[in-house]
PDB file of N, CA and C in Angstrom:
ATOM      1  N   MET A   1      66.936 -64.075  36.121  1.00  0.00           N
ATOM      2  CA  MET A   1      65.812 -63.322  35.631  1.00  0.00           C
ATOM      3  C   MET A   1      64.529 -64.129  35.818  1.00  0.00           C
ATOM      4  N   ASN A   2      63.459 -63.432  36.196  1.00  0.00           N
ATOM      5  CA  ASN A   2      62.183 -64.091  36.436  1.00  0.00           C
ATOM      6  C   ASN A   2      61.515 -64.470  35.129  1.00  0.00           C
ATOM      7  N   PRO A   3      60.781 -65.601  35.140  1.00  0.00           N
ATOM      8  CA  PRO A   3      60.005 -65.940  33.952  1.00  0.00           C
ATOM      9  C   PRO A   3      58.901 -64.908  33.747  1.00  0.00           C
ATOM     10  N   PRO A   4      58.360 -64.812  32.553  1.00  0.00           N
ATOM     11  CA  PRO A   4      57.312 -63.816  32.302  1.00  0.00           C
ATOM     12  C   PRO A   4      56.039 -64.132  33.087  1.00  0.00           C
ATOM     13  N   ALA A   5      55.221 -63.125  33.264  1.00  0.00           N
ATOM     14  CA  ALA A   5      53.918 -63.299  33.894  1.00  0.00           C
ATOM     15  C   ALA A   5      53.045 -64.172  32.985  1.00  0.00           C
ATOM     16  N   PRO A   6      51.960 -64.724  33.512  1.00  0.00           N
ATOM     17  CA  PRO A   6      51.159 -65.663  32.726  1.00  0.00           C
ATOM     18  C   PRO A   6      50.333 -65.050  31.595  1.00  0.00           C
ATOM     19  N   ASN A   7      50.281 -63.733  31.502  1.00  0.00           N
ATOM     20  CA  ASN A   7      49.529 -63.120  30.404  1.00  0.00           C
ATOM     21  C   ASN A   7      50.029 -61.688  30.177  1.00  0.00           C
ATOM     22  N   GLU A   8      49.617 -61.111  29.059  1.00  0.00           N
ATOM     23  CA  GLU A   8      50.098 -59.782  28.670  1.00  0.00           C
ATOM     24  C   GLU A   8      49.673 -58.685  29.646  1.00  0.00           C
ATOM     25  N   ALA A   9      48.473 -58.809  30.198  1.00  0.00           N
ATOM     26  CA  ALA A   9      48.001 -57.784  31.145  1.00  0.00           C
ATOM     27  C   ALA A   9      48.907 -57.728  32.368  1.00  0.00           C
ATOM     28  N   LEU A  10      49.300 -58.894  32.873  1.00  0.00           N
ATOM     29  CA  LEU A  10      50.196 -58.907  34.030  1.00  0.00           C
ATOM     30  C   LEU A  10      51.607 -58.495  33.641  1.00  0.00           C
ATOM     31  N   ASP A  11      52.043 -58.852  32.439  1.00  0.00           N
ATOM     32  CA  ASP A  11      53.344 -58.369  31.966  1.00  0.00           C
ATOM     33  C   ASP A  11      53.374 -56.839  31.984  1.00  0.00           C
ATOM     34  N   GLU A  12      52.280 -56.239  31.531  1.00  0.00           N
ATOM     35  CA  GLU A  12      52.205 -54.774  31.518  1.00  0.00           C
ATOM     36  C   GLU A  12      52.231 -54.210  32.940  1.00  0.00           C
ATOM     37  N   LEU A  13      51.492 -54.842  33.855  1.00  0.00           N
ATOM     38  CA  LEU A  13      51.527 -54.378  35.246  1.00  0.00           C
ATOM     39  C   LEU A  13      52.921 -54.509  35.843  1.00  0.00           C
ATOM     40  N   VAL A  14      53.603 -55.611  35.528  1.00  0.00           N
ATOM     41  CA  VAL A  14      54.974 -55.789  36.028  1.00  0.00           C
ATOM     42  C   VAL A  14      55.865 -54.662  35.526  1.00  0.00           C
ATOM     43  N   SER A  15      55.688 -54.268  34.269  1.00  0.00           N
ATOM     44  CA  SER A  15      56.530 -53.198  33.721  1.00  0.00           C
ATOM     45  C   SER A  15      56.238 -51.851  34.390  1.00  0.00           C
ATOM     46  N   ILE A  16      55.030 -51.681  34.904  1.00  0.00           N
ATOM     47  CA  ILE A  16      54.649 -50.425  35.558  1.00  0.00           C
ATOM     48  C   ILE A  16      54.936 -50.463  37.058  1.00  0.00           C
ATOM     49  N   LEU A  17      54.510 -51.553  37.716  1.00  0.00           N
ATOM     50  CA  LEU A  17      54.572 -51.629  39.178  1.00  0.00           C
ATOM     51  C   LEU A  17      55.774 -52.389  39.714  1.00  0.00           C
ATOM     52  N   GLY A  18      56.363 -53.226  38.871  1.00  0.00           N
ATOM     53  CA  GLY A  18      57.390 -54.150  39.336  1.00  0.00           C
ATOM     54  C   GLY A  18      56.737 -55.474  39.701  1.00  0.00           C
ATOM     55  N   GLU A  19      57.551 -56.514  39.733  1.00  0.00           N
ATOM     56  CA  GLU A  19      56.996 -57.850  39.959  1.00  0.00           C
ATOM     57  C   GLU A  19      56.426 -58.020  41.356  1.00  0.00           C
ATOM     58  N   ASP A  20      57.119 -57.553  42.378  1.00  0.00           N
ATOM     59  CA  ASP A  20      56.622 -57.757  43.737  1.00  0.00           C
ATOM     60  C   ASP A  20      55.266 -57.102  43.962  1.00  0.00           C
ATOM     61  N   ASP A  21      55.098 -55.860  43.521  1.00  0.00           N
ATOM     62  CA  ASP A  21      53.819 -55.180  43.699  1.00  0.00           C
ATOM     63  C   ASP A  21      52.725 -55.813  42.845  1.00  0.00           C
ATOM     64  N   THR A  22      53.071 -56.273  41.667  1.00  0.00           N
ATOM     65  CA  THR A  22      52.084 -56.943  40.817  1.00  0.00           C
ATOM     66  C   THR A  22      51.644 -58.242  41.461  1.00  0.00           C
ATOM     67  N   ARG A  23      52.581 -58.997  42.001  1.00  0.00           N
ATOM     68  CA  ARG A  23      52.220 -60.245  42.668  1.00  0.00           C
ATOM     69  C   ARG A  23      51.327 -59.970  43.870  1.00  0.00           C
ATOM     70  N   GLU A  24      51.579 -58.894  44.595  1.00  0.00           N
ATOM     71  CA  GLU A  24      50.711 -58.539  45.727  1.00  0.00           C
ATOM     72  C   GLU A  24      49.312 -58.184  45.237  1.00  0.00           C
ATOM     73  N   LEU A  25      49.215 -57.488  44.126  1.00  0.00           N
ATOM     74  CA  LEU A  25      47.917 -57.147  43.542  1.00  0.00           C
ATOM     75  C   LEU A  25      47.163 -58.419  43.136  1.00  0.00           C
ATOM     76  N   VAL A  26      47.875 -59.371  42.555  1.00  0.00           N
ATOM     77  CA  VAL A  26      47.259 -60.646  42.180  1.00  0.00           C
ATOM     78  C   VAL A  26      46.789 -61.383  43.426  1.00  0.00           C
ATOM     79  N   ARG A  27      47.610 -61.417  44.462  1.00  0.00           N
ATOM     80  CA  ARG A  27      47.194 -62.068  45.714  1.00  0.00           C
ATOM     81  C   ARG A  27      45.936 -61.416  46.277  1.00  0.00           C
ATOM     82  N   SER A  28      45.849 -60.102  46.208  1.00  0.00           N
ATOM     83  CA  SER A  28      44.655 -59.391  46.690  1.00  0.00           C
ATOM     84  C   SER A  28      43.425 -59.793  45.875  1.00  0.00           C
ATOM     85  N   PHE A  29      43.572 -59.848  44.560  1.00  0.00           N
ATOM     86  CA  PHE A  29      42.463 -60.263  43.701  1.00  0.00           C
ATOM     87  C   PHE A  29      41.985 -61.662  44.090  1.00  0.00           C
ATOM     88  N   LEU A  30      42.919 -62.586  44.234  1.00  0.00           N
ATOM     89  CA  LEU A  30      42.563 -63.959  44.587  1.00  0.00           C
ATOM     90  C   LEU A  30      41.918 -64.038  45.968  1.00  0.00           C
ATOM     91  N   ARG A  31      42.429 -63.290  46.900  1.00  0.00           N
ATOM     92  CA  ARG A  31      41.911 -63.291  48.280  1.00  0.00           C
ATOM     93  C   ARG A  31      40.523 -62.656  48.355  1.00  0.00           C
ATOM     94  N   ASP A  32      40.304 -61.583  47.604  1.00  0.00           N
ATOM     95  CA  ASP A  32      39.053 -60.828  47.689  1.00  0.00           C
ATOM     96  C   ASP A  32      37.926 -61.403  46.831  1.00  0.00           C
ATOM     97  N   PHE A  33      38.263 -62.237  45.865  1.00  0.00           N
ATOM     98  CA  PHE A  33      37.245 -62.747  44.949  1.00  0.00           C
ATOM     99  C   PHE A  33      36.083 -63.428  45.661  1.00  0.00           C
ATOM    100  N   PRO A  34      36.324 -64.352  46.618  1.00  0.00           N
ATOM    101  CA  PRO A  34      35.177 -65.020  47.259  1.00  0.00           C
ATOM    102  C   PRO A  34      34.204 -64.050  47.944  1.00  0.00           C
ATOM    103  N   ASP A  35      34.725 -63.019  48.593  1.00  0.00           N
ATOM    104  CA  ASP A  35      33.849 -62.046  49.238  1.00  0.00           C
ATOM    105  C   ASP A  35      33.063 -61.260  48.203  1.00  0.00           C
ATOM    106  N   GLN A  36      33.721 -60.864  47.118  1.00  0.00           N
ATOM    107  CA  GLN A  36      33.017 -60.132  46.074  1.00  0.00           C
ATOM    108  C   GLN A  36      31.942 -61.002  45.423  1.00  0.00           C
ATOM    109  N   LEU A  37      32.219 -62.273  45.275  1.00  0.00           N
ATOM    110  CA  LEU A  37      31.221 -63.189  44.726  1.00  0.00           C
ATOM    111  C   LEU A  37      30.004 -63.242  45.647  1.00  0.00           C
ATOM    112  N   ARG A  38      30.234 -63.312  46.954  1.00  0.00           N
ATOM    113  CA  ARG A  38      29.113 -63.296  47.907  1.00  0.00           C
ATOM    114  C   ARG A  38      28.320 -62.001  47.776  1.00  0.00           C
ATOM    115  N   GLN A  39      29.010 -60.888  47.539  1.00  0.00           N
ATOM    116  CA  GLN A  39      28.326 -59.603  47.397  1.00  0.00           C
ATOM    117  C   GLN A  39      27.445 -59.570  46.148  1.00  0.00           C
ATOM    118  N   LEU A  40      27.796 -60.358  45.143  1.00  0.00           N
ATOM    119  CA  LEU A  40      26.937 -60.447  43.956  1.00  0.00           C
ATOM    120  C   LEU A  40      25.607 -61.129  44.276  1.00  0.00           C
ATOM    121  N   ALA A  41      25.586 -61.922  45.336  1.00  0.00           N
ATOM    122  CA  ALA A  41      24.393 -62.693  45.676  1.00  0.00           C
ATOM    123  C   ALA A  41      23.491 -61.975  46.682  1.00  0.00           C
ATOM    124  N   ILE A  42      23.961 -60.880  47.272  1.00  0.00           N
ATOM    125  CA  ILE A  42      23.172 -60.177  48.292  1.00  0.00           C
ATOM    126  C   ILE A  42      23.102 -58.695  47.959  1.00  0.00           C
ATOM    127  N   GLY A  43      22.369 -57.971  48.745  1.00  0.00           N
ATOM    128  CA  GLY A  43      22.305 -56.533  48.554  1.00  0.00           C
ATOM    129  C   GLY A  43      21.316 -56.146  47.466  1.00  0.00           C
ATOM    130  N   ASP A  44      21.191 -54.849  47.305  1.00  0.00           N
ATOM    131  CA  ASP A  44      20.258 -54.379  46.285  1.00  0.00           C
ATOM    132  C   ASP A  44      20.909 -54.401  44.909  1.00  0.00           C
ATOM    133  N   ARG A  45      20.092 -54.145  43.893  1.00  0.00           N
ATOM    134  CA  ARG A  45      20.551 -54.231  42.513  1.00  0.00           C
ATOM    135  C   ARG A  45      21.729 -53.302  42.251  1.00  0.00           C
ATOM    136  N   GLU A  46      21.701 -52.086  42.784  1.00  0.00           N
ATOM    137  CA  GLU A  46      22.790 -51.130  42.550  1.00  0.00           C
ATOM    138  C   GLU A  46      24.091 -51.600  43.198  1.00  0.00           C
ATOM    139  N   GLN A  47      24.008 -52.166  44.384  1.00  0.00           N
ATOM    140  CA  GLN A  47      25.215 -52.712  45.028  1.00  0.00           C
ATOM    141  C   GLN A  47      25.794 -53.855  44.196  1.00  0.00           C
ATOM    142  N   ARG A  48      24.930 -54.689  43.684  1.00  0.00           N
ATOM    143  CA  ARG A  48      25.378 -55.802  42.841  1.00  0.00           C
ATOM    144  C   ARG A  48      26.006 -55.280  41.554  1.00  0.00           C
ATOM    145  N   ARG A  49      25.426 -54.242  40.982  1.00  0.00           N
ATOM    146  CA  ARG A  49      25.988 -53.648  39.760  1.00  0.00           C
ATOM    147  C   ARG A  49      27.385 -53.105  40.029  1.00  0.00           C
ATOM    148  N   ARG A  50      27.574 -52.455  41.179  1.00  0.00           N
ATOM    149  CA  ARG A  50      28.904 -51.923  41.521  1.00  0.00           C
ATOM    150  C   ARG A  50      29.921 -53.039  41.720  1.00  0.00           C
ATOM    151  N   VAL A  51      29.493 -54.139  42.337  1.00  0.00           N
ATOM    152  CA  VAL A  51      30.391 -55.280  42.508  1.00  0.00           C
ATOM    153  C   VAL A  51      30.768 -55.857  41.140  1.00  0.00           C
ATOM    154  N   ALA A  52      29.795 -56.004  40.253  1.00  0.00           N
ATOM    155  CA  ALA A  52      30.084 -56.511  38.907  1.00  0.00           C
ATOM    156  C   ALA A  52      31.067 -55.585  38.197  1.00  0.00           C
ATOM    157  N   HIS A  53      30.878 -54.274  38.350  1.00  0.00           N
ATOM    158  CA  HIS A  53      31.801 -53.308  37.752  1.00  0.00           C
ATOM    159  C   HIS A  53      33.213 -53.479  38.306  1.00  0.00           C
ATOM    160  N   SER A  54      33.312 -53.605  39.614  1.00  0.00           N
ATOM    161  CA  SER A  54      34.623 -53.780  40.250  1.00  0.00           C
ATOM    162  C   SER A  54      35.296 -55.069  39.781  1.00  0.00           C
ATOM    163  N   LEU A  55      34.532 -56.148  39.743  1.00  0.00           N
ATOM    164  CA  LEU A  55      35.098 -57.417  39.273  1.00  0.00           C
ATOM    165  C   LEU A  55      35.487 -57.349  37.805  1.00  0.00           C
ATOM    166  N   LYS A  56      34.723 -56.625  37.016  1.00  0.00           N
ATOM    167  CA  LYS A  56      35.063 -56.450  35.592  1.00  0.00           C
ATOM    168  C   LYS A  56      36.436 -55.784  35.473  1.00  0.00           C
ATOM    169  N   SER A  57      36.615 -54.699  36.189  1.00  0.00           N
ATOM    170  CA  SER A  57      37.876 -53.957  36.117  1.00  0.00           C
ATOM    171  C   SER A  57      39.039 -54.782  36.647  1.00  0.00           C
ATOM    172  N   SER A  58      38.847 -55.397  37.802  1.00  0.00           N
ATOM    173  CA  SER A  58      39.910 -56.209  38.398  1.00  0.00           C
ATOM    174  C   SER A  58      40.281 -57.375  37.500  1.00  0.00           C
ATOM    175  N   SER A  59      39.271 -58.014  36.941  1.00  0.00           N
ATOM    176  CA  SER A  59      39.530 -59.160  36.066  1.00  0.00           C
ATOM    177  C   SER A  59      40.315 -58.736  34.836  1.00  0.00           C
ATOM    178  N   ARG A  60      39.972 -57.594  34.287  1.00  0.00           N
ATOM    179  CA  ARG A  60      40.698 -57.082  33.114  1.00  0.00           C
ATOM    180  C   ARG A  60      42.171 -56.857  33.467  1.00  0.00           C
ATOM    181  N   HIS A  61      42.436 -56.279  34.631  1.00  0.00           N
ATOM    182  CA  HIS A  61      43.818 -56.046  35.059  1.00  0.00           C
ATOM    183  C   HIS A  61      44.584 -57.356  35.248  1.00  0.00           C
ATOM    184  N   MET A  62      43.875 -58.409  35.628  1.00  0.00           N
ATOM    185  CA  MET A  62      44.508 -59.709  35.857  1.00  0.00           C
ATOM    186  C   MET A  62      44.678 -60.501  34.565  1.00  0.00           C
ATOM    187  N   GLY A  63      44.154 -59.970  33.468  1.00  0.00           N
ATOM    188  CA  GLY A  63      44.229 -60.687  32.201  1.00  0.00           C
ATOM    189  C   GLY A  63      43.174 -61.767  32.074  1.00  0.00           C
ATOM    190  N   ALA A  64      42.153 -61.718  32.935  1.00  0.00           N
ATOM    191  CA  ALA A  64      41.053 -62.690  32.905  1.00  0.00           C
ATOM    192  C   ALA A  64      39.946 -62.122  32.018  1.00  0.00           C
ATOM    193  N   ASP A  65      40.201 -62.114  30.718  1.00  0.00           N
ATOM    194  CA  ASP A  65      39.322 -61.434  29.780  1.00  0.00           C
ATOM    195  C   ASP A  65      37.916 -62.021  29.721  1.00  0.00           C
ATOM    196  N   ALA A  66      37.792 -63.344  29.756  1.00  0.00           N
ATOM    197  CA  ALA A  66      36.456 -63.952  29.701  1.00  0.00           C
ATOM    198  C   ALA A  66      35.656 -63.593  30.951  1.00  0.00           C
ATOM    199  N   LEU A  67      36.305 -63.584  32.102  1.00  0.00           N
ATOM    200  CA  LEU A  67      35.639 -63.185  33.340  1.00  0.00           C
ATOM    201  C   LEU A  67      35.248 -61.710  33.279  1.00  0.00           C
ATOM    202  N   ALA A  68      36.115 -60.873  32.743  1.00  0.00           N
ATOM    203  CA  ALA A  68      35.802 -59.445  32.603  1.00  0.00           C
ATOM    204  C   ALA A  68      34.595 -59.245  31.687  1.00  0.00           C
ATOM    205  N   ARG A  69      34.525 -59.999  30.593  1.00  0.00           N
ATOM    206  CA  ARG A  69      33.369 -59.883  29.690  1.00  0.00           C
ATOM    207  C   ARG A  69      32.083 -60.344  30.370  1.00  0.00           C
ATOM    208  N   LYS A  70      32.168 -61.418  31.144  1.00  0.00           N
ATOM    209  CA  LYS A  70      31.004 -61.919  31.877  1.00  0.00           C
ATOM    210  C   LYS A  70      30.525 -60.870  32.868  1.00  0.00           C
ATOM    211  N   MET A  71      31.455 -60.221  33.560  1.00  0.00           N
ATOM    212  CA  MET A  71      31.077 -59.190  34.528  1.00  0.00           C
ATOM    213  C   MET A  71      30.535 -57.942  33.835  1.00  0.00           C
ATOM    214  N   ALA A  72      31.052 -57.620  32.666  1.00  0.00           N
ATOM    215  CA  ALA A  72      30.536 -56.479  31.902  1.00  0.00           C
ATOM    216  C   ALA A  72      29.084 -56.725  31.495  1.00  0.00           C
ATOM    217  N   ALA A  73      28.793 -57.939  31.048  1.00  0.00           N
ATOM    218  CA  ALA A  73      27.418 -58.276  30.663  1.00  0.00           C
ATOM    219  C   ALA A  73      26.497 -58.224  31.875  1.00  0.00           C
ATOM    220  N   LEU A  74      26.976 -58.729  33.003  1.00  0.00           N
ATOM    221  CA  LEU A  74      26.168 -58.696  34.224  1.00  0.00           C
ATOM    222  C   LEU A  74      25.956 -57.257  34.695  1.00  0.00           C
ATOM    223  N   GLU A  75      26.999 -56.453  34.627  1.00  0.00           N
ATOM    224  CA  GLU A  75      26.882 -55.043  35.006  1.00  0.00           C
ATOM    225  C   GLU A  75      25.826 -54.347  34.136  1.00  0.00           C
ATOM    226  N   THR A  76      25.864 -54.582  32.851  1.00  0.00           N
ATOM    227  CA  THR A  76      24.886 -53.983  31.939  1.00  0.00           C
ATOM    228  C   THR A  76      23.475 -54.454  32.281  1.00  0.00           C
ATOM    229  N   ARG A  77      23.340 -55.737  32.500  1.00  0.00           N
ATOM    230  CA  ARG A  77      22.019 -56.283  32.844  1.00  0.00           C
ATOM    231  C   ARG A  77      21.496 -55.678  34.145  1.00  0.00           C
ATOM    232  N   LEU A  78      22.389 -55.477  35.124  1.00  0.00           N
ATOM    233  CA  LEU A  78      21.977 -54.942  36.424  1.00  0.00           C
ATOM    234  C   LEU A  78      21.668 -53.449  36.376  1.00  0.00           C
ATOM    235  N   SER A  79      21.903 -52.825  35.250  1.00  0.00           N
ATOM    236  CA  SER A  79      21.523 -51.420  35.117  1.00  0.00           C
ATOM    237  C   SER A  79      20.020 -51.290  34.847  1.00  0.00           C
ATOM    238  N   HIS A  80      19.342 -52.408  34.616  1.00  0.00           N
ATOM    239  CA  HIS A  80      17.893 -52.422  34.407  1.00  0.00           C
ATOM    240  C   HIS A  80      17.189 -52.716  35.727  1.00  0.00           C
ATOM    241  N   VAL A  81      16.090 -52.090  35.947  1.00  0.00           N
ATOM    242  CA  VAL A  81      15.396 -52.112  37.238  1.00  0.00           C
ATOM    243  C   VAL A  81      15.051 -53.513  37.726  1.00  0.00           C
ATOM    244  N   GLU A  82      14.624 -54.389  36.860  1.00  0.00           N
ATOM    245  CA  GLU A  82      14.132 -55.686  37.311  1.00  0.00           C
ATOM    246  C   GLU A  82      15.172 -56.799  37.230  1.00  0.00           C
ATOM    247  N   ALA A  83      16.409 -56.480  36.989  1.00  0.00           N
ATOM    248  CA  ALA A  83      17.445 -57.498  36.821  1.00  0.00           C
ATOM    249  C   ALA A  83      17.840 -58.130  38.155  1.00  0.00           C
ATOM    250  N   GLU A  84      18.219 -59.373  38.088  1.00  0.00           N
ATOM    251  CA  GLU A  84      18.687 -60.127  39.246  1.00  0.00           C
ATOM    252  C   GLU A  84      19.954 -60.898  38.875  1.00  0.00           C
ATOM    253  N   VAL A  85      20.623 -61.400  39.888  1.00  0.00           N
ATOM    254  CA  VAL A  85      21.769 -62.290  39.703  1.00  0.00           C
ATOM    255  C   VAL A  85      21.294 -63.694  40.057  1.00  0.00           C
ATOM    256  N   SER A  86      21.363 -64.595  39.105  1.00  0.00           N
ATOM    257  CA  SER A  86      20.872 -65.961  39.329  1.00  0.00           C
ATOM    258  C   SER A  86      21.985 -66.867  39.854  1.00  0.00           C
ATOM    259  N   GLN A  87      21.594 -68.022  40.311  1.00  0.00           N
ATOM    260  CA  GLN A  87      22.570 -69.032  40.720  1.00  0.00           C
ATOM    261  C   GLN A  87      23.421 -69.455  39.526  1.00  0.00           C
ATOM    262  N   GLU A  88      22.829 -69.450  38.346  1.00  0.00           N
ATOM    263  CA  GLU A  88      23.586 -69.781  37.133  1.00  0.00           C
ATOM    264  C   GLU A  88      24.651 -68.727  36.857  1.00  0.00           C
ATOM    265  N   ASP A  89      24.319 -67.448  37.098  1.00  0.00           N
ATOM    266  CA  ASP A  89      25.309 -66.375  36.955  1.00  0.00           C
ATOM    267  C   ASP A  89      26.481 -66.596  37.900  1.00  0.00           C
ATOM    268  N   LEU A  90      26.162 -66.931  39.139  1.00  0.00           N
ATOM    269  CA  LEU A  90      27.216 -67.143  40.139  1.00  0.00           C
ATOM    270  C   LEU A  90      28.079 -68.342  39.777  1.00  0.00           C
ATOM    271  N   ALA A  91      27.447 -69.435  39.355  1.00  0.00           N
ATOM    272  CA  ALA A  91      28.197 -70.634  38.976  1.00  0.00           C
ATOM    273  C   ALA A  91      29.094 -70.365  37.768  1.00  0.00           C
ATOM    274  N   ALA A  92      28.586 -69.621  36.793  1.00  0.00           N
ATOM    275  CA  ALA A  92      29.387 -69.291  35.614  1.00  0.00           C
ATOM    276  C   ALA A  92      30.562 -68.386  35.988  1.00  0.00           C
ATOM    277  N   THR A  93      30.340 -67.490  36.939  1.00  0.00           N
ATOM    278  CA  THR A  93      31.411 -66.601  37.397  1.00  0.00           C
ATOM    279  C   THR A  93      32.507 -67.406  38.072  1.00  0.00           C
ATOM    280  N   VAL A  94      32.120 -68.323  38.935  1.00  0.00           N
ATOM    281  CA  VAL A  94      33.106 -69.187  39.605  1.00  0.00           C
ATOM    282  C   VAL A  94      33.868 -70.014  38.575  1.00  0.00           C
ATOM    283  N   SER A  95      33.163 -70.542  37.592  1.00  0.00           N
ATOM    284  CA  SER A  95      33.810 -71.353  36.557  1.00  0.00           C
ATOM    285  C   SER A  95      34.866 -70.546  35.801  1.00  0.00           C
ATOM    286  N   GLU A  96      34.519 -69.336  35.399  1.00  0.00           N
ATOM    287  CA  GLU A  96      35.486 -68.485  34.690  1.00  0.00           C
ATOM    288  C   GLU A  96      36.664 -68.126  35.587  1.00  0.00           C
ATOM    289  N   PHE A  97      36.380 -67.835  36.858  1.00  0.00           N
ATOM    290  CA  PHE A  97      37.450 -67.519  37.803  1.00  0.00           C
ATOM    291  C   PHE A  97      38.418 -68.695  37.929  1.00  0.00           C
ATOM    292  N   GLU A  98      37.886 -69.882  38.072  1.00  0.00           N
ATOM    293  CA  GLU A  98      38.737 -71.065  38.261  1.00  0.00           C
ATOM    294  C   GLU A  98      39.614 -71.350  37.043  1.00  0.00           C
ATOM    295  N   LYS A  99      39.161 -70.947  35.868  1.00  0.00           N
ATOM    296  CA  LYS A  99      39.968 -71.153  34.662  1.00  0.00           C
ATOM    297  C   LYS A  99      41.271 -70.361  34.702  1.00  0.00           C
ATOM    298  N   VAL A 100      41.272 -69.222  35.374  1.00  0.00           N
ATOM    299  CA  VAL A 100      42.480 -68.381  35.427  1.00  0.00           C
ATOM    300  C   VAL A 100      43.180 -68.415  36.776  1.00  0.00           C
ATOM    301  N   ALA A 101      42.486 -68.872  37.800  1.00  0.00           N
ATOM    302  CA  ALA A 101      43.025 -68.786  39.157  1.00  0.00           C
ATOM    303  C   ALA A 101      44.321 -69.578  39.331  1.00  0.00           C
ATOM    304  N   GLY A 102      44.422 -70.742  38.712  1.00  0.00           N
ATOM    305  CA  GLY A 102      45.639 -71.555  38.867  1.00  0.00           C
ATOM    306  C   GLY A 102      46.882 -70.825  38.389  1.00  0.00           C
ATOM    307  N   GLY A 103      46.807 -70.235  37.211  1.00  0.00           N
ATOM    308  CA  GLY A 103      47.948 -69.485  36.684  1.00  0.00           C
ATOM    309  C   GLY A 103      48.258 -68.261  37.517  1.00  0.00           C
ATOM    310  N   LEU A 104      47.214 -67.593  38.004  1.00  0.00           N
ATOM    311  CA  LEU A 104      47.429 -66.419  38.856  1.00  0.00           C
ATOM    312  C   LEU A 104      48.071 -66.821  40.173  1.00  0.00           C
ATOM    313  N   ARG A 105      47.599 -67.921  40.759  1.00  0.00           N
ATOM    314  CA  ARG A 105      48.185 -68.402  42.022  1.00  0.00           C
ATOM    315  C   ARG A 105      49.655 -68.767  41.828  1.00  0.00           C
ATOM    316  N   ALA A 106      49.957 -69.453  40.740  1.00  0.00           N
ATOM    317  CA  ALA A 106      51.353 -69.842  40.474  1.00  0.00           C
ATOM    318  C   ALA A 106      52.236 -68.602  40.355  1.00  0.00           C
ATOM    319  N   PHE A 107      51.751 -67.586  39.657  1.00  0.00           N
ATOM    320  CA  PHE A 107      52.510 -66.339  39.513  1.00  0.00           C
ATOM    321  C   PHE A 107      52.662 -65.644  40.863  1.00  0.00           C
ATOM    322  N   ALA A 108      51.587 -65.542  41.616  1.00  0.00           N
ATOM    323  CA  ALA A 108      51.592 -64.816  42.889  1.00  0.00           C
ATOM    324  C   ALA A 108      52.489 -65.485  43.923  1.00  0.00           C
ATOM    325  N   ASN A 109      52.613 -66.792  43.847  1.00  0.00           N
ATOM    326  CA  ASN A 109      53.320 -67.527  44.902  1.00  0.00           C
ATOM    327  C   ASN A 109      54.701 -68.022  44.501  1.00  0.00           C
ATOM    328  N   ARG A 110      55.144 -67.718  43.290  1.00  0.00           N
ATOM    329  CA  ARG A 110      56.472 -68.195  42.911  1.00  0.00           C
ATOM    330  C   ARG A 110      57.539 -67.425  43.692  1.00  0.00           C
ATOM    331  N   PRO A 111      58.640 -68.083  43.987  1.00  0.00           N
ATOM    332  CA  PRO A 111      59.702 -67.427  44.764  1.00  0.00           C
ATOM    333  C   PRO A 111      60.302 -66.236  44.012  1.00  0.00           C
ATOM    334  N   HIS A 112      60.640 -65.235  44.766  1.00  0.00           N
ATOM    335  CA  HIS A 112      61.284 -64.042  44.188  1.00  0.00           C
ATOM    336  C   HIS A 112      62.692 -64.403  43.736  1.00  0.00           C
ATOM    337  N   GLN A 113      63.025 -63.992  42.526  1.00  0.00           N
ATOM    338  CA  GLN A 113      64.372 -64.215  41.997  1.00  0.00           C
ATOM    339  C   GLN A 113      64.975 -62.863  41.694  1.00  0.00           C
ATOM    340  N   PRO A 114      66.137 -62.588  42.270  1.00  0.00           N
ATOM    341  CA  PRO A 114      66.767 -61.278  42.022  1.00  0.00           C
ATOM    342  C   PRO A 114      67.204 -61.092  40.582  1.00  0.00           C
TER     343      PRO A 114
END
């Protein structure tokens, strides 16, 4: 039997999707994060707001609650006309991502056990 996922959100996904599909979803999140982070730094305010929304949702599914809250705050801020994404926002996002990425990588890359 496989060990449990690293958090309750992933445990729930495993119960719905199965472990293999959940691990693939985690791998996609980890793979896509750097590109989405770059998208937070470019484009117009509405594009950045949509990226923050997407990262908020994805982070919540991954059990990265602090990252999801950070993205929710950024999404709200970007709903205002004059809002921008600062270098401090990007650095804080990377920091929160790195706090959960190790556990997600370990889960995504562990060998399949029947």
